[in-house]
């Protein structure tokens, strides 16, 4: 009986340790003219210090028609990478805190370099 109680207590503690509060991180991506950039690629990389037992996580998505994106992340610091056709890529480190919902307003600069296409 005592062994069963000990196993149940360890199981409950392991669930509590792995279930951290998820925080909504939302953003809107616009160009220099403030127009929404749809279909941009957004990558979030967990920038926690690496170790031989730690595996980094990535989350990714495309922006919607209104240029918006959203992720649910545990508290911590993350590297955000954004790329869109005809714009320079963007990257920044963002720290997320439990219970605080953040709205990131990202403005990309247009890439005026000539694009070559194959006909």
Foldseek 3Di string as FASTA:
>chain_A
DVVVVVVVVVVVVVVVVPDAAWEKEKEAEAEPVRQGAWFKKKKKKAPPDDDPPDDIDMDIDTAHPRRMDMDTHGFAKIWMWIDDPQWDIDIDIDTDDHPDYYYYYHYTYGDPDDDDDDD
